[in-house]
C-alpha atoms as a PDB file:
ATOM      1  CA  MET A   1      -0.059  -0.055  -0.023  1.00  0.00           C
ATOM      2  CA  ALA A   2       1.389   3.094  -0.958  1.00  0.00           C
ATOM      3  CA  VAL A   3       1.363   6.194   1.390  1.00  0.00           C
ATOM      4  CA  HIS A   4       0.288   9.796  -0.352  1.00  0.00           C
ATOM      5  CA  PRO A   5       1.337  12.900   1.259  1.00  0.00           C
ATOM      6  CA  ILE A   6      -1.311  15.146   2.082  1.00  0.00           C
ATOM      7  CA  ALA A   7      -2.151  17.481  -1.031  1.00  0.00           C
ATOM      8  CA  ALA A   8      -1.726  21.074   0.322  1.00  0.00           C
ATOM      9  CA  THR A   9      -4.908  23.213  -0.134  1.00  0.00           C
ATOM     10  CA  ALA A  10      -4.534  25.212  -3.128  1.00  0.00           C
ATOM     11  CA  PRO A  11      -5.121  28.895  -2.336  1.00  0.00           C
ATOM     12  CA  PRO A  12      -8.909  30.212  -3.417  1.00  0.00           C
ATOM     13  CA  PRO A  13      -8.819  31.672  -7.388  1.00  0.00           C
ATOM     14  CA  ALA A  14      -8.123  35.073  -7.665  1.00  0.00           C
ATOM     15  CA  ARG A  15     -11.662  37.286  -8.273  1.00  0.00           C
ATOM     16  CA  VAL A  16     -12.114  39.954 -10.880  1.00  0.00           C
ATOM     17  CA  ALA A  17     -13.092  42.894  -9.507  1.00  0.00           C
ATOM     18  CA  PHE A  18     -13.590  46.669 -10.671  1.00  0.00           C
ATOM     19  CA  ASP A  19     -10.776  48.854  -9.181  1.00  0.00           C
ATOM     20  CA  ARG A  20     -11.578  52.473  -7.253  1.00  0.00           C
ATOM     21  CA  ARG A  21     -11.567  54.408 -10.472  1.00  0.00           C
ATOM     22  CA  GLU A  22     -13.981  51.825 -12.403  1.00  0.00           C
ATOM     23  CA  LEU A  23     -16.629  51.992  -9.520  1.00  0.00           C
ATOM     24  CA  GLY A  24     -16.404  55.914  -9.547  1.00  0.00           C
ATOM     25  CA  LEU A  25     -17.379  55.948 -13.456  1.00  0.00           C
ATOM     26  CA  ILE A  26     -19.844  53.394 -12.741  1.00  0.00           C
ATOM     27  CA  LEU A  27     -21.725  55.087  -9.513  1.00  0.00           C
ATOM     28  CA  SER A  28     -21.435  58.278 -11.117  1.00  0.00           C
ATOM     29  CA  LEU A  29     -23.451  57.013 -13.800  1.00  0.00           C
ATOM     30  CA  TYR A  30     -26.060  55.459 -11.364  1.00  0.00           C
ATOM     31  CA  GLY A  31     -26.391  58.194  -9.401  1.00  0.00           C
ATOM     32  CA  ARG A  32     -27.546  60.184 -12.198  1.00  0.00           C
ATOM     33  CA  MET A  33     -29.755  57.218 -13.275  1.00  0.00           C
ATOM     34  CA  VAL A  34     -31.397  57.498  -9.667  1.00  0.00           C
ATOM     35  CA  ALA A  35     -31.596  61.174  -9.816  1.00  0.00           C
ATOM     36  CA  ALA A  36     -33.607  60.927 -13.133  1.00  0.00           C
ATOM     37  CA  GLY A  37     -35.835  58.195 -11.565  1.00  0.00           C
ATOM     38  CA  GLU A  38     -34.590  55.498 -14.185  1.00  0.00           C
ATOM     39  CA  TRP A  39     -32.999  52.902 -11.896  1.00  0.00           C
ATOM     40  CA  ARG A  40     -33.672  52.120  -8.460  1.00  0.00           C
ATOM     41  CA  ASP A  41     -31.327  49.438  -7.166  1.00  0.00           C
ATOM     42  CA  TYR A  42     -27.921  47.542  -7.849  1.00  0.00           C
ATOM     43  CA  GLY A  43     -25.793  44.421  -7.625  1.00  0.00           C
ATOM     44  CA  LEU A  44     -22.256  43.534  -7.640  1.00  0.00           C
ATOM     45  CA  SER A  45     -21.002  39.921  -8.633  1.00  0.00           C
ATOM     46  CA  PHE A  46     -17.378  39.251  -8.245  1.00  0.00           C
ATOM     47  CA  LEU A  47     -16.631  36.044  -9.963  1.00  0.00           C
ATOM     48  CA  ARG A  48     -13.479  34.098 -10.905  1.00  0.00           C
ATOM     49  CA  ASP A  49     -13.854  35.307 -14.742  1.00  0.00           C
ATOM     50  CA  VAL A  50     -15.815  38.463 -14.497  1.00  0.00           C
ATOM     51  CA  ALA A  51     -16.973  41.191 -12.326  1.00  0.00           C
ATOM     52  CA  VAL A  52     -20.500  42.490 -12.878  1.00  0.00           C
ATOM     53  CA  PHE A  53     -22.409  45.771 -12.009  1.00  0.00           C
ATOM     54  CA  SER A  54     -26.047  44.754 -12.464  1.00  0.00           C
ATOM     55  CA  VAL A  55     -28.445  47.723 -12.405  1.00  0.00           C
ATOM     56  CA  PHE A  56     -32.023  47.305 -11.409  1.00  0.00           C
ATOM     57  CA  ARG A  57     -35.442  49.021 -11.850  1.00  0.00           C
ATOM     58  CA  ARG A  58     -37.013  47.285  -8.984  1.00  0.00           C
ATOM     59  CA  THR A  59     -35.128  45.108  -6.381  1.00  0.00           C
ATOM     60  CA  ALA A  60     -36.984  42.068  -7.490  1.00  0.00           C
ATOM     61  CA  GLU A  61     -36.864  42.066 -11.200  1.00  0.00           C
ATOM     62  CA  HIS A  62     -33.850  40.931 -13.792  1.00  0.00           C
ATOM     63  CA  PRO A  63     -31.433  43.595 -14.170  1.00  0.00           C
ATOM     64  CA  LEU A  64     -32.070  45.921 -16.848  1.00  0.00           C
ATOM     65  CA  TYR A  65     -28.109  46.183 -17.749  1.00  0.00           C
ATOM     66  CA  ARG A  66     -25.295  44.197 -16.595  1.00  0.00           C
ATOM     67  CA  ILE A  67     -21.781  45.879 -16.769  1.00  0.00           C
ATOM     68  CA  GLU A  68     -18.909  43.590 -17.216  1.00  0.00           C
ATOM     69  CA  LYS A  69     -15.460  43.463 -16.390  1.00  0.00           C
ATOM     70  CA  ARG A  70     -13.576  40.181 -18.463  1.00  0.00           C
ATOM     71  CA  PRO A  71     -10.374  40.712 -18.425  1.00  0.00           C
ATOM     72  CA  ARG A  72      -9.643  37.567 -20.354  1.00  0.00           C
ATOM     73  CA  ASN A  73     -11.033  39.540 -23.460  1.00  0.00           C
ATOM     74  CA  ALA A  74      -8.920  42.459 -23.025  1.00  0.00           C
ATOM     75  CA  ALA A  75      -6.631  41.694 -25.778  1.00  0.00           C
ATOM     76  CA  ARG A  76      -9.460  40.917 -28.359  1.00  0.00           C
ATOM     77  CA  GLN A  77     -12.866  43.008 -27.881  1.00  0.00           C
ATOM     78  CA  GLY A  78     -12.143  44.875 -24.725  1.00  0.00           C
ATOM     79  CA  ALA A  79     -12.838  43.791 -20.917  1.00  0.00           C
ATOM     80  CA  TYR A  80     -15.445  45.928 -21.093  1.00  0.00           C
ATOM     81  CA  ALA A  81     -19.182  45.236 -22.063  1.00  0.00           C
ATOM     82  CA  VAL A  82     -22.601  46.619 -21.447  1.00  0.00           C
ATOM     83  CA  ILE A  83     -25.267  43.996 -22.056  1.00  0.00           C
ATOM     84  CA  ALA A  84     -29.370  44.215 -21.944  1.00  0.00           C
ATOM     85  CA  MET A  85     -31.770  42.495 -20.019  1.00  0.00           C
ATOM     86  CA  ASP A  86     -32.363  40.575 -23.303  1.00  0.00           C
ATOM     87  CA  GLY A  87     -28.669  39.592 -23.513  1.00  0.00           C
ATOM     88  CA  ARG A  88     -27.796  41.815 -26.289  1.00  0.00           C
ATOM     89  CA  ILE A  89     -24.200  43.340 -26.037  1.00  0.00           C
ATOM     90  CA  LEU A  90     -25.073  47.209 -26.444  1.00  0.00           C
ATOM     91  CA  ARG A  91     -21.521  47.839 -26.618  1.00  0.00           C
ATOM     92  CA  ARG A  92     -18.215  46.727 -25.910  1.00  0.00           C
ATOM     93  CA  GLY A  93     -14.566  47.988 -25.444  1.00  0.00           C
ATOM     94  CA  HIS A  94     -11.184  48.830 -23.848  1.00  0.00           C
ATOM     95  CA  ASP A  95     -12.424  51.820 -22.287  1.00  0.00           C
ATOM     96  CA  LEU A  96     -15.029  51.941 -19.603  1.00  0.00           C
ATOM     97  CA  LYS A  97     -15.748  55.430 -19.898  1.00  0.00           C
ATOM     98  CA  THR A  98     -16.456  55.154 -23.489  1.00  0.00           C
ATOM     99  CA  VAL A  99     -18.403  52.031 -22.772  1.00  0.00           C
ATOM    100  CA  LEU A 100     -20.937  53.276 -20.606  1.00  0.00           C
ATOM    101  CA  ARG A 101     -21.932  56.248 -23.090  1.00  0.00           C
ATOM    102  CA  VAL A 102     -24.004  54.136 -24.414  1.00  0.00           C
ATOM    103  CA  LEU A 103     -26.451  53.889 -21.065  1.00  0.00           C
ATOM    104  CA  ASP A 104     -25.921  57.643 -20.922  1.00  0.00           C
ATOM    105  CA  ARG A 105     -27.512  58.215 -23.980  1.00  0.00           C
ATOM    106  CA  LYS A 106     -30.699  56.818 -22.802  1.00  0.00           C
ATOM    107  CA  LEU A 107     -30.691  59.531 -19.764  1.00  0.00           C
ATOM    108  CA  ILE A 108     -31.168  62.428 -22.906  1.00  0.00           C
ATOM    109  CA  ARG A 109     -34.654  62.749 -23.795  1.00  0.00           C
ATOM    110  CA  ALA A 110     -36.760  65.344 -25.799  1.00  0.00           C
ATOM    111  CA  VAL A 111     -38.343  67.803 -23.926  1.00  0.00           C
ATOM    112  CA  GLU A 112     -41.802  68.633 -24.733  1.00  0.00           C
ATOM    113  CA  ASP A 113     -43.367  72.095 -23.888  1.00  0.00           C
END
């Protein structure tokens, strides 16, 4: 009978997260949308391959939008993406500020007299 040494426990996998600058950009947009009455809640998920900022109109609903950071895609399509509730990718790119502009445009509305 062979004796096997006890396997060392591997450290938990690293998680993808938004840094302070990225969160600042996202929360700035979130604050403007809350002030306009468009958004009411958000959720954060930090997973092994992706960090997700989900935006909700009401807490019990599915997210209206997901802002995702996938570092694995950074060299190809860009690490950042804005995804609609139905799964459509509204914008993808390398610069978060540019990617978030697609949601800023939703705030601009025609003013009627």
